[in-house]
PDB file of N, CA and C in Angstrom:
ATOM      1  N   MET A   1      51.860 -34.162 144.936  1.00  0.00           N
ATOM      2  CA  MET A   1      52.865 -34.702 146.212  1.00  0.00           C
ATOM      3  C   MET A   1      54.167 -34.368 146.391  1.00  0.00           C
ATOM      4  N   ARG A   2      54.838 -34.298 147.451  1.00  0.00           N
ATOM      5  CA  ARG A   2      56.137 -33.306 147.694  1.00  0.00           C
ATOM      6  C   ARG A   2      57.148 -34.384 147.996  1.00  0.00           C
ATOM      7  N   VAL A   3      57.838 -34.298 147.606  1.00  0.00           N
ATOM      8  CA  VAL A   3      59.120 -35.364 148.164  1.00  0.00           C
ATOM      9  C   VAL A   3      60.127 -34.699 148.836  1.00  0.00           C
ATOM     10  N   TYR A   4      60.606 -34.775 149.946  1.00  0.00           N
ATOM     11  CA  TYR A   4      61.909 -33.167 150.496  1.00  0.00           C
ATOM     12  C   TYR A   4      63.097 -34.771 150.355  1.00  0.00           C
ATOM     13  N   LEU A   5      64.055 -34.242 149.898  1.00  0.00           N
ATOM     14  CA  LEU A   5      65.540 -35.089 150.099  1.00  0.00           C
ATOM     15  C   LEU A   5      66.627 -33.852 150.717  1.00  0.00           C
ATOM     16  N   ALA A   6      66.896 -34.370 151.918  1.00  0.00           N
ATOM     17  CA  ALA A   6      67.608 -33.800 152.010  1.00  0.00           C
ATOM     18  C   ALA A   6      69.574 -34.319 152.076  1.00  0.00           C
ATOM     19  N   LEU A   7      69.737 -33.187 151.786  1.00  0.00           N
ATOM     20  CA  LEU A   7      71.717 -33.833 150.893  1.00  0.00           C
ATOM     21  C   LEU A   7      72.563 -32.784 152.021  1.00  0.00           C
ATOM     22  N   ASP A   8      73.711 -33.245 152.143  1.00  0.00           N
ATOM     23  CA  ASP A   8      75.005 -32.656 153.000  1.00  0.00           C
ATOM     24  C   ASP A   8      75.943 -32.287 151.532  1.00  0.00           C
ATOM     25  N   LEU A   9      75.936 -30.844 151.396  1.00  0.00           N
ATOM     26  CA  LEU A   9      76.540 -30.631 150.397  1.00  0.00           C
ATOM     27  C   LEU A   9      78.128 -29.628 151.223  1.00  0.00           C
ATOM     28  N   ARG A  10      78.944 -29.879 150.078  1.00  0.00           N
ATOM     29  CA  ARG A  10      80.371 -29.612 150.676  1.00  0.00           C
ATOM     30  C   ARG A  10      80.776 -27.974 150.205  1.00  0.00           C
ATOM     31  N   CYS A  11      81.649 -27.839 150.882  1.00  0.00           N
ATOM     32  CA  CYS A  11      82.265 -26.497 150.169  1.00  0.00           C
ATOM     33  C   CYS A  11      83.707 -26.362 149.600  1.00  0.00           C
ATOM     34  N   VAL A  12      84.494 -25.956 148.591  1.00  0.00           N
ATOM     35  CA  VAL A  12      85.504 -26.917 148.008  1.00  0.00           C
ATOM     36  C   VAL A  12      86.196 -25.520 147.930  1.00  0.00           C
ATOM     37  N   ASP A  13      87.493 -25.854 148.041  1.00  0.00           N
ATOM     38  CA  ASP A  13      87.931 -24.760 147.805  1.00  0.00           C
ATOM     39  C   ASP A  13      88.442 -24.703 146.352  1.00  0.00           C
ATOM     40  N   CYS A  14      88.074 -23.463 145.591  1.00  0.00           N
ATOM     41  CA  CYS A  14      88.433 -23.329 143.673  1.00  0.00           C
ATOM     42  C   CYS A  14      89.985 -23.235 143.696  1.00  0.00           C
ATOM     43  N   ARG A  15      90.378 -23.935 142.617  1.00  0.00           N
ATOM     44  CA  ARG A  15      91.626 -23.949 142.304  1.00  0.00           C
ATOM     45  C   ARG A  15      92.139 -22.293 141.157  1.00  0.00           C
ATOM     46  N   GLN A  16      91.224 -22.112 140.964  1.00  0.00           N
ATOM     47  CA  GLN A  16      90.909 -21.244 139.525  1.00  0.00           C
ATOM     48  C   GLN A  16      91.051 -19.897 140.018  1.00  0.00           C
ATOM     49  N   CYS A  17      89.818 -19.556 141.108  1.00  0.00           N
ATOM     50  CA  CYS A  17      89.914 -18.203 141.749  1.00  0.00           C
ATOM     51  C   CYS A  17      90.056 -18.028 143.273  1.00  0.00           C
ATOM     52  N   SER A  18      90.198 -19.095 143.209  1.00  0.00           N
ATOM     53  CA  SER A  18      90.937 -19.253 144.878  1.00  0.00           C
ATOM     54  C   SER A  18      89.741 -18.996 145.793  1.00  0.00           C
ATOM     55  N   GLY A  19      88.517 -19.060 145.686  1.00  0.00           N
ATOM     56  CA  GLY A  19      87.280 -18.717 146.234  1.00  0.00           C
ATOM     57  C   GLY A  19      86.813 -20.052 146.644  1.00  0.00           C
ATOM     58  N   VAL A  20      85.915 -19.617 147.825  1.00  0.00           N
ATOM     59  CA  VAL A  20      85.218 -21.190 148.208  1.00  0.00           C
ATOM     60  C   VAL A  20      83.821 -21.306 147.463  1.00  0.00           C
ATOM     61  N   THR A  21      83.371 -22.363 146.855  1.00  0.00           N
ATOM     62  CA  THR A  21      82.004 -22.314 146.144  1.00  0.00           C
ATOM     63  C   THR A  21      81.347 -23.870 146.775  1.00  0.00           C
ATOM     64  N   ARG A  22      80.074 -23.881 146.866  1.00  0.00           N
ATOM     65  CA  ARG A  22      79.612 -24.963 147.077  1.00  0.00           C
ATOM     66  C   ARG A  22      80.069 -26.144 145.875  1.00  0.00           C
ATOM     67  N   GLU A  23      79.656 -27.518 146.405  1.00  0.00           N
ATOM     68  CA  GLU A  23      79.667 -28.166 144.980  1.00  0.00           C
ATOM     69  C   GLU A  23      78.410 -28.565 144.210  1.00  0.00           C
ATOM     70  N   ARG A  24      78.451 -29.167 142.687  1.00  0.00           N
ATOM     71  CA  ARG A  24      77.204 -28.954 142.189  1.00  0.00           C
ATOM     72  C   ARG A  24      76.869 -30.351 142.280  1.00  0.00           C
ATOM     73  N   LEU A  25      75.521 -30.425 142.396  1.00  0.00           N
ATOM     74  CA  LEU A  25      74.530 -31.769 141.812  1.00  0.00           C
ATOM     75  C   LEU A  25      74.668 -31.606 140.114  1.00  0.00           C
ATOM     76  N   GLU A  26      75.164 -32.597 139.470  1.00  0.00           N
ATOM     77  CA  GLU A  26      74.998 -33.007 138.158  1.00  0.00           C
ATOM     78  C   GLU A  26      73.342 -32.919 137.908  1.00  0.00           C
ATOM     79  N   TRP A  27      72.965 -33.727 138.577  1.00  0.00           N
ATOM     80  CA  TRP A  27      71.940 -34.534 138.276  1.00  0.00           C
ATOM     81  C   TRP A  27      70.326 -33.265 138.730  1.00  0.00           C
ATOM     82  N   LEU A  28      71.003 -32.094 139.656  1.00  0.00           N
ATOM     83  CA  LEU A  28      69.964 -31.280 139.528  1.00  0.00           C
ATOM     84  C   LEU A  28      69.694 -30.509 138.143  1.00  0.00           C
ATOM     85  N   SER A  29      68.732 -30.247 138.178  1.00  0.00           N
ATOM     86  CA  SER A  29      68.376 -28.761 137.102  1.00  0.00           C
ATOM     87  C   SER A  29      68.864 -27.830 137.152  1.00  0.00           C
ATOM     88  N   MET A  30      68.618 -26.737 136.514  1.00  0.00           N
ATOM     89  CA  MET A  30      68.929 -25.147 136.716  1.00  0.00           C
ATOM     90  C   MET A  30      68.274 -25.022 138.360  1.00  0.00           C
ATOM     91  N   ASN A  31      67.047 -24.979 138.005  1.00  0.00           N
ATOM     92  CA  ASN A  31      65.927 -25.314 138.830  1.00  0.00           C
ATOM     93  C   ASN A  31      66.003 -26.452 140.620  1.00  0.00           C
ATOM     94  N   PRO A  32      66.204 -25.538 141.434  1.00  0.00           N
ATOM     95  CA  PRO A  32      66.371 -27.321 142.190  1.00  0.00           C
ATOM     96  C   PRO A  32      65.510 -28.024 142.484  1.00  0.00           C
ATOM     97  N   HIS A  33      64.297 -27.553 142.197  1.00  0.00           N
ATOM     98  CA  HIS A  33      62.809 -28.263 142.453  1.00  0.00           C
ATOM     99  C   HIS A  33      62.729 -29.370 141.979  1.00  0.00           C
ATOM    100  N   TYR A  34      63.370 -29.655 140.727  1.00  0.00           N
ATOM    101  CA  TYR A  34      62.995 -30.774 139.830  1.00  0.00           C
ATOM    102  C   TYR A  34      64.575 -31.072 139.212  1.00  0.00           C
ATOM    103  N   THR A  35      64.434 -32.477 139.116  1.00  0.00           N
ATOM    104  CA  THR A  35      65.790 -33.637 138.714  1.00  0.00           C
ATOM    105  C   THR A  35      65.978 -33.235 136.994  1.00  0.00           C
ATOM    106  N   LYS A  36      66.932 -33.251 136.189  1.00  0.00           N
ATOM    107  CA  LYS A  36      67.371 -32.906 134.497  1.00  0.00           C
ATOM    108  C   LYS A  36      66.645 -34.425 134.154  1.00  0.00           C
ATOM    109  N   ARG A  37      66.608 -35.431 135.215  1.00  0.00           N
ATOM    110  CA  ARG A  37      65.835 -36.692 134.472  1.00  0.00           C
ATOM    111  C   ARG A  37      64.066 -36.220 134.335  1.00  0.00           C
ATOM    112  N   PHE A  38      63.279 -35.791 135.162  1.00  0.00           N
ATOM    113  CA  PHE A  38      62.254 -35.335 135.180  1.00  0.00           C
ATOM    114  C   PHE A  38      62.294 -34.282 133.912  1.00  0.00           C
ATOM    115  N   ALA A  39      62.914 -33.694 133.798  1.00  0.00           N
ATOM    116  CA  ALA A  39      62.702 -32.330 132.720  1.00  0.00           C
ATOM    117  C   ALA A  39      62.875 -33.213 131.811  1.00  0.00           C
ATOM    118  N   TRP A  40      63.511 -34.040 131.533  1.00  0.00           N
ATOM    119  CA  TRP A  40      63.985 -34.540 130.388  1.00  0.00           C
ATOM    120  C   TRP A  40      62.432 -35.629 129.746  1.00  0.00           C
ATOM    121  N   TYR A  41      61.935 -35.927 130.620  1.00  0.00           N
ATOM    122  CA  TYR A  41      60.803 -36.844 130.979  1.00  0.00           C
ATOM    123  C   TYR A  41      59.419 -35.452 130.234  1.00  0.00           C
ATOM    124  N   VAL A  42      59.626 -34.594 131.020  1.00  0.00           N
ATOM    125  CA  VAL A  42      58.674 -33.323 130.508  1.00  0.00           C
ATOM    126  C   VAL A  42      58.437 -32.902 129.036  1.00  0.00           C
ATOM    127  N   GLY A  43      59.795 -32.895 128.869  1.00  0.00           N
ATOM    128  CA  GLY A  43      60.150 -32.345 127.242  1.00  0.00           C
ATOM    129  C   GLY A  43      59.828 -33.218 126.445  1.00  0.00           C
ATOM    130  N   LYS A  44      59.842 -34.565 126.866  1.00  0.00           N
ATOM    131  CA  LYS A  44      59.583 -35.840 125.806  1.00  0.00           C
ATOM    132  C   LYS A  44      58.162 -35.765 125.740  1.00  0.00           C
ATOM    133  N   GLN A  45      57.394 -35.714 127.129  1.00  0.00           N
ATOM    134  CA  GLN A  45      55.614 -35.872 127.276  1.00  0.00           C
ATOM    135  C   GLN A  45      55.386 -34.131 126.033  1.00  0.00           C
ATOM    136  N   CYS A  46      55.948 -33.270 125.863  1.00  0.00           N
ATOM    137  CA  CYS A  46      55.645 -31.674 125.393  1.00  0.00           C
ATOM    138  C   CYS A  46      55.923 -32.563 123.804  1.00  0.00           C
ATOM    139  N   CYS A  47      56.643 -33.778 123.683  1.00  0.00           N
ATOM    140  CA  CYS A  47      56.689 -33.331 122.105  1.00  0.00           C
ATOM    141  C   CYS A  47      55.505 -34.035 121.107  1.00  0.00           C
ATOM    142  N   GLY A  48      54.648 -34.722 122.091  1.00  0.00           N
ATOM    143  CA  GLY A  48      53.653 -35.411 121.706  1.00  0.00           C
ATOM    144  C   GLY A  48      52.375 -34.407 122.153  1.00  0.00           C
ATOM    145  N   ALA A  49      51.931 -34.091 123.005  1.00  0.00           N
ATOM    146  CA  ALA A  49      50.856 -33.513 123.710  1.00  0.00           C
ATOM    147  C   ALA A  49      51.729 -31.942 123.565  1.00  0.00           C
ATOM    148  N   SER A  50      50.180 -31.175 123.896  1.00  0.00           N
ATOM    149  CA  SER A  50      50.573 -29.456 124.167  1.00  0.00           C
ATOM    150  C   SER A  50      50.683 -29.451 125.741  1.00  0.00           C
ATOM    151  N   VAL A  51      51.434 -28.178 125.945  1.00  0.00           N
ATOM    152  CA  VAL A  51      51.992 -27.567 127.548  1.00  0.00           C
ATOM    153  C   VAL A  51      51.060 -28.019 128.621  1.00  0.00           C
ATOM    154  N   GLN A  52      50.266 -27.851 127.996  1.00  0.00           N
ATOM    155  CA  GLN A  52      49.040 -27.751 128.890  1.00  0.00           C
ATOM    156  C   GLN A  52      48.115 -28.510 129.429  1.00  0.00           C
ATOM    157  N   GLU A  53      47.775 -29.920 128.313  1.00  0.00           N
ATOM    158  CA  GLU A  53      47.717 -31.162 128.610  1.00  0.00           C
ATOM    159  C   GLU A  53      48.882 -31.792 129.418  1.00  0.00           C
ATOM    160  N   VAL A  54      50.470 -31.803 129.260  1.00  0.00           N
ATOM    161  CA  VAL A  54      50.694 -32.367 129.939  1.00  0.00           C
ATOM    162  C   VAL A  54      51.474 -31.866 131.672  1.00  0.00           C
ATOM    163  N   ALA A  55      50.982 -30.589 131.847  1.00  0.00           N
ATOM    164  CA  ALA A  55      50.820 -29.907 132.843  1.00  0.00           C
ATOM    165  C   ALA A  55      49.619 -30.393 133.713  1.00  0.00           C
ATOM    166  N   SER A  56      48.634 -30.253 133.066  1.00  0.00           N
ATOM    167  CA  SER A  56      46.828 -31.350 133.716  1.00  0.00           C
ATOM    168  C   SER A  56      47.405 -32.441 134.022  1.00  0.00           C
ATOM    169  N   ASP A  57      48.167 -33.104 133.120  1.00  0.00           N
ATOM    170  CA  ASP A  57      48.631 -34.751 133.101  1.00  0.00           C
ATOM    171  C   ASP A  57      49.236 -35.309 134.312  1.00  0.00           C
ATOM    172  N   LEU A  58      50.293 -34.166 134.743  1.00  0.00           N
ATOM    173  CA  LEU A  58      51.432 -34.328 135.268  1.00  0.00           C
ATOM    174  C   LEU A  58      51.265 -33.613 136.874  1.00  0.00           C
ATOM    175  N   ARG A  59      50.166 -32.212 137.050  1.00  0.00           N
ATOM    176  CA  ARG A  59      49.722 -31.470 138.283  1.00  0.00           C
ATOM    177  C   ARG A  59      50.631 -30.461 138.466  1.00  0.00           C
ATOM    178  N   LEU A  60      51.293 -30.359 137.228  1.00  0.00           N
ATOM    179  CA  LEU A  60      52.276 -28.744 137.584  1.00  0.00           C
ATOM    180  C   LEU A  60      51.650 -27.922 136.832  1.00  0.00           C
ATOM    181  N   ASP A  61      52.396 -26.893 137.113  1.00  0.00           N
ATOM    182  CA  ASP A  61      51.819 -25.462 136.779  1.00  0.00           C
ATOM    183  C   ASP A  61      52.311 -25.337 135.352  1.00  0.00           C
ATOM    184  N   TRP A  62      51.692 -24.467 134.878  1.00  0.00           N
ATOM    185  CA  TRP A  62      52.019 -24.190 133.429  1.00  0.00           C
ATOM    186  C   TRP A  62      53.365 -23.443 132.762  1.00  0.00           C
ATOM    187  N   TYR A  63      53.334 -22.688 133.868  1.00  0.00           N
ATOM    188  CA  TYR A  63      54.866 -22.128 133.744  1.00  0.00           C
ATOM    189  C   TYR A  63      56.132 -22.876 133.814  1.00  0.00           C
ATOM    190  N   ALA A  64      55.936 -24.244 135.138  1.00  0.00           N
ATOM    191  CA  ALA A  64      57.143 -24.775 135.128  1.00  0.00           C
ATOM    192  C   ALA A  64      57.319 -25.798 134.262  1.00  0.00           C
ATOM    193  N   VAL A  65      55.862 -26.113 133.667  1.00  0.00           N
ATOM    194  CA  VAL A  65      56.297 -27.426 132.016  1.00  0.00           C
ATOM    195  C   VAL A  65      57.180 -26.430 130.841  1.00  0.00           C
ATOM    196  N   LYS A  66      56.598 -25.240 130.678  1.00  0.00           N
ATOM    197  CA  LYS A  66      57.104 -24.697 129.617  1.00  0.00           C
ATOM    198  C   LYS A  66      58.833 -23.883 130.115  1.00  0.00           C
ATOM    199  N   GLU A  67      59.372 -23.871 131.050  1.00  0.00           N
ATOM    200  CA  GLU A  67      60.808 -24.007 131.491  1.00  0.00           C
ATOM    201  C   GLU A  67      61.562 -25.507 131.818  1.00  0.00           C
ATOM    202  N   MET A  68      60.673 -26.160 131.895  1.00  0.00           N
ATOM    203  CA  MET A  68      61.172 -27.550 131.468  1.00  0.00           C
ATOM    204  C   MET A  68      61.411 -28.231 129.941  1.00  0.00           C
ATOM    205  N   ASP A  69      59.982 -27.750 129.428  1.00  0.00           N
ATOM    206  CA  ASP A  69      60.348 -28.237 128.156  1.00  0.00           C
ATOM    207  C   ASP A  69      61.328 -26.980 127.224  1.00  0.00           C
ATOM    208  N   LYS A  70      61.593 -26.066 128.088  1.00  0.00           N
ATOM    209  CA  LYS A  70      62.876 -25.274 126.970  1.00  0.00           C
ATOM    210  C   LYS A  70      64.039 -26.181 127.519  1.00  0.00           C
ATOM    211  N   LEU A  71      63.671 -26.495 128.220  1.00  0.00           N
ATOM    212  CA  LEU A  71      65.580 -26.926 129.165  1.00  0.00           C
ATOM    213  C   LEU A  71      65.630 -28.342 128.043  1.00  0.00           C
ATOM    214  N   TYR A  72      64.632 -28.703 127.761  1.00  0.00           N
ATOM    215  CA  TYR A  72      64.438 -30.132 127.233  1.00  0.00           C
ATOM    216  C   TYR A  72      65.260 -29.679 125.937  1.00  0.00           C
ATOM    217  N   LEU A  73      64.506 -28.451 124.652  1.00  0.00           N
ATOM    218  CA  LEU A  73      64.876 -28.119 123.757  1.00  0.00           C
ATOM    219  C   LEU A  73      66.393 -27.651 123.677  1.00  0.00           C
ATOM    220  N   ARG A  74      66.832 -27.254 125.017  1.00  0.00           N
ATOM    221  CA  ARG A  74      68.365 -26.683 124.812  1.00  0.00           C
ATOM    222  C   ARG A  74      69.137 -27.432 124.822  1.00  0.00           C
ATOM    223  N   GLU A  75      68.979 -28.613 125.259  1.00  0.00           N
ATOM    224  CA  GLU A  75      69.487 -29.875 125.362  1.00  0.00           C
ATOM    225  C   GLU A  75      69.822 -30.249 124.050  1.00  0.00           C
ATOM    226  N   HIS A  76      68.823 -30.738 123.007  1.00  0.00           N
ATOM    227  CA  HIS A  76      68.675 -31.228 122.198  1.00  0.00           C
ATOM    228  C   HIS A  76      69.525 -30.279 121.144  1.00  0.00           C
ATOM    229  N   LEU A  77      69.655 -29.084 120.946  1.00  0.00           N
ATOM    230  CA  LEU A  77      70.402 -28.037 120.509  1.00  0.00           C
ATOM    231  C   LEU A  77      71.237 -28.081 120.580  1.00  0.00           C
ATOM    232  N   ALA A  78      72.301 -28.592 121.437  1.00  0.00           N
ATOM    233  CA  ALA A  78      73.306 -28.424 121.946  1.00  0.00           C
ATOM    234  C   ALA A  78      74.096 -29.746 120.936  1.00  0.00           C
ATOM    235  N   VAL A  79      73.081 -30.950 120.992  1.00  0.00           N
ATOM    236  CA  VAL A  79      73.500 -31.870 120.375  1.00  0.00           C
ATOM    237  C   VAL A  79      73.889 -31.922 119.032  1.00  0.00           C
ATOM    238  N   ALA A  80      72.785 -31.346 118.393  1.00  0.00           N
ATOM    239  CA  ALA A  80      72.507 -31.508 117.241  1.00  0.00           C
ATOM    240  C   ALA A  80      72.870 -30.307 116.619  1.00  0.00           C
ATOM    241  N   ASP A  81      73.411 -31.002 115.456  1.00  0.00           N
ATOM    242  CA  ASP A  81      74.385 -30.327 114.321  1.00  0.00           C
ATOM    243  C   ASP A  81      74.103 -29.181 113.657  1.00  0.00           C
ATOM    244  N   VAL A  82      74.641 -28.604 113.301  1.00  0.00           N
ATOM    245  CA  VAL A  82      74.237 -26.741 112.418  1.00  0.00           C
ATOM    246  C   VAL A  82      74.391 -27.229 111.266  1.00  0.00           C
ATOM    247  N   PRO A  83      72.745 -26.881 110.665  1.00  0.00           N
ATOM    248  CA  PRO A  83      72.457 -27.462 108.999  1.00  0.00           C
ATOM    249  C   PRO A  83      73.599 -25.986 108.872  1.00  0.00           C
ATOM    250  N   GLN A  84      73.809 -26.672 107.332  1.00  0.00           N
ATOM    251  CA  GLN A  84      74.612 -25.374 106.255  1.00  0.00           C
ATOM    252  C   GLN A  84      73.739 -25.620 105.194  1.00  0.00           C
ATOM    253  N   PRO A  85      72.881 -25.521 104.893  1.00  0.00           N
ATOM    254  CA  PRO A  85      71.653 -25.348 103.442  1.00  0.00           C
ATOM    255  C   PRO A  85      72.717 -24.174 102.623  1.00  0.00           C
ATOM    256  N   THR A  86      72.208 -24.797 101.484  1.00  0.00           N
ATOM    257  CA  THR A  86      73.180 -23.864 100.171  1.00  0.00           C
ATOM    258  C   THR A  86      71.760 -23.210  99.544  1.00  0.00           C
ATOM    259  N   VAL A  87      70.977 -24.110  99.683  1.00  0.00           N
ATOM    260  CA  VAL A  87      69.530 -23.700  98.616  1.00  0.00           C
ATOM    261  C   VAL A  87      68.704 -23.711  99.683  1.00  0.00           C
ATOM    262  N   ILE A  88      67.767 -22.623  99.812  1.00  0.00           N
ATOM    263  CA  ILE A  88      66.606 -22.670 101.023  1.00  0.00           C
ATOM    264  C   ILE A  88      65.225 -22.571 100.080  1.00  0.00           C
ATOM    265  N   GLY A  89      64.660 -23.304 100.414  1.00  0.00           N
ATOM    266  CA  GLY A  89      63.242 -23.181  99.815  1.00  0.00           C
ATOM    267  C   GLY A  89      61.823 -22.422 101.343  1.00  0.00           C
ATOM    268  N   MET A  90      61.269 -21.904 101.231  1.00  0.00           N
ATOM    269  CA  MET A  90      60.548 -21.369 101.656  1.00  0.00           C
ATOM    270  C   MET A  90      58.874 -21.092 101.731  1.00  0.00           C
ATOM    271  N   ASP A  91      58.320 -21.725 101.999  1.00  0.00           N
ATOM    272  CA  ASP A  91      56.599 -21.811 101.254  1.00  0.00           C
ATOM    273  C   ASP A  91      55.877 -21.389 102.690  1.00  0.00           C
ATOM    274  N   GLU A  92      54.444 -20.804 102.389  1.00  0.00           N
ATOM    275  CA  GLU A  92      53.641 -20.640 103.551  1.00  0.00           C
ATOM    276  C   GLU A  92      52.267 -21.646 103.130  1.00  0.00           C
ATOM    277  N   ILE A  93      51.805 -22.262 104.283  1.00  0.00           N
ATOM    278  CA  ILE A  93      50.771 -23.075 104.276  1.00  0.00           C
ATOM    279  C   ILE A  93      49.636 -22.538 105.032  1.00  0.00           C
ATOM    280  N   SER A  94      48.113 -22.004 104.461  1.00  0.00           N
ATOM    281  CA  SER A  94      47.048 -21.893 105.439  1.00  0.00           C
ATOM    282  C   SER A  94      46.731 -23.050 106.288  1.00  0.00           C
ATOM    283  N   THR A  95      46.608 -22.965 107.331  1.00  0.00           N
ATOM    284  CA  THR A  95      46.225 -24.007 108.295  1.00  0.00           C
ATOM    285  C   THR A  95      44.658 -23.867 108.666  1.00  0.00           C
ATOM    286  N   ARG A  96      44.028 -22.806 108.325  1.00  0.00           N
ATOM    287  CA  ARG A  96      42.459 -22.598 108.627  1.00  0.00           C
ATOM    288  C   ARG A  96      42.294 -20.738 108.300  1.00  0.00           C
ATOM    289  N   LYS A  97      40.641 -20.727 108.226  1.00  0.00           N
ATOM    290  CA  LYS A  97      40.470 -19.632 107.739  1.00  0.00           C
ATOM    291  C   LYS A  97      40.886 -18.263 108.813  1.00  0.00           C
ATOM    292  N   GLY A  98      40.798 -17.336 108.615  1.00  0.00           N
ATOM    293  CA  GLY A  98      41.225 -16.181 109.354  1.00  0.00           C
ATOM    294  C   GLY A  98      42.467 -15.931 108.947  1.00  0.00           C
ATOM    295  N   HIS A  99      43.573 -16.118 108.142  1.00  0.00           N
ATOM    296  CA  HIS A  99      44.649 -15.531 107.767  1.00  0.00           C
ATOM    297  C   HIS A  99      45.868 -16.391 108.785  1.00  0.00           C
ATOM    298  N   VAL A 100      45.205 -17.590 109.268  1.00  0.00           N
ATOM    299  CA  VAL A 100      46.421 -18.423 110.061  1.00  0.00           C
ATOM    300  C   VAL A 100      47.062 -19.202 109.128  1.00  0.00           C
ATOM    301  N   TYR A 101      48.490 -19.125 109.559  1.00  0.00           N
ATOM    302  CA  TYR A 101      49.522 -19.854 108.133  1.00  0.00           C
ATOM    303  C   TYR A 101      51.010 -20.356 109.305  1.00  0.00           C
ATOM    304  N   ARG A 102      51.601 -21.399 108.499  1.00  0.00           N
ATOM    305  CA  ARG A 102      52.806 -21.556 109.034  1.00  0.00           C
ATOM    306  C   ARG A 102      53.912 -21.554 107.912  1.00  0.00           C
ATOM    307  N   ILE A 103      54.889 -21.147 107.908  1.00  0.00           N
ATOM    308  CA  ILE A 103      55.497 -20.976 107.247  1.00  0.00           C
ATOM    309  C   ILE A 103      56.740 -22.069 107.560  1.00  0.00           C
ATOM    310  N   ILE A 104      57.081 -23.038 106.067  1.00  0.00           N
ATOM    311  CA  ILE A 104      58.472 -23.563 106.604  1.00  0.00           C
ATOM    312  C   ILE A 104      59.089 -23.571 105.497  1.00  0.00           C
ATOM    313  N   ALA A 105      60.501 -23.818 106.050  1.00  0.00           N
ATOM    314  CA  ALA A 105      61.644 -23.694 105.507  1.00  0.00           C
ATOM    315  C   ALA A 105      62.692 -25.018 105.265  1.00  0.00           C
ATOM    316  N   SER A 106      63.050 -25.385 104.160  1.00  0.00           N
ATOM    317  CA  SER A 106      63.762 -26.802 103.784  1.00  0.00           C
ATOM    318  C   SER A 106      64.698 -25.815 103.036  1.00  0.00           C
ATOM    319  N   ASP A 107      65.558 -27.184 102.851  1.00  0.00           N
ATOM    320  CA  ASP A 107      66.571 -27.868 102.131  1.00  0.00           C
ATOM    321  C   ASP A 107      66.536 -27.546 100.985  1.00  0.00           C
ATOM    322  N   LEU A 108      65.931 -27.548  99.453  1.00  0.00           N
ATOM    323  CA  LEU A 108      66.184 -28.029  98.422  1.00  0.00           C
ATOM    324  C   LEU A 108      67.026 -28.632  98.165  1.00  0.00           C
ATOM    325  N   GLU A 109      68.263 -28.955  98.540  1.00  0.00           N
ATOM    326  CA  GLU A 109      69.262 -30.115  98.081  1.00  0.00           C
ATOM    327  C   GLU A 109      68.831 -31.380  98.990  1.00  0.00           C
ATOM    328  N   LEU A 110      68.763 -31.184  99.968  1.00  0.00           N
ATOM    329  CA  LEU A 110      68.659 -32.518 100.698  1.00  0.00           C
ATOM    330  C   LEU A 110      67.289 -33.017 100.686  1.00  0.00           C
ATOM    331  N   GLY A 111      66.215 -32.347 100.834  1.00  0.00           N
ATOM    332  CA  GLY A 111      65.008 -32.558 100.534  1.00  0.00           C
ATOM    333  C   GLY A 111      64.292 -32.700 102.132  1.00  0.00           C
TER     334      GLY A 111
END
């Protein structure tokens, strides 16, 4: 189902560059086809399910869900503190036959 929203956007004089720009709406995402709130919801759904499952549940394109998930992860990365480990431990775990491995890096001092 498509929902159309009509808005009046104003042109604003920029004090810094002395040019004219359109006002920005904070609740819109980088892509004007969805809001930040919906992208945040899709990102939370992707934490518990695969991108393909979320796309089929919400009846969206796989690429759109992937972009919203990347936006969600960028937001999380912006608020996360930067880890500064002094001792790093690396481990490689086989997940199934056929040389399929997961590599885990962890801080040995903090656990």
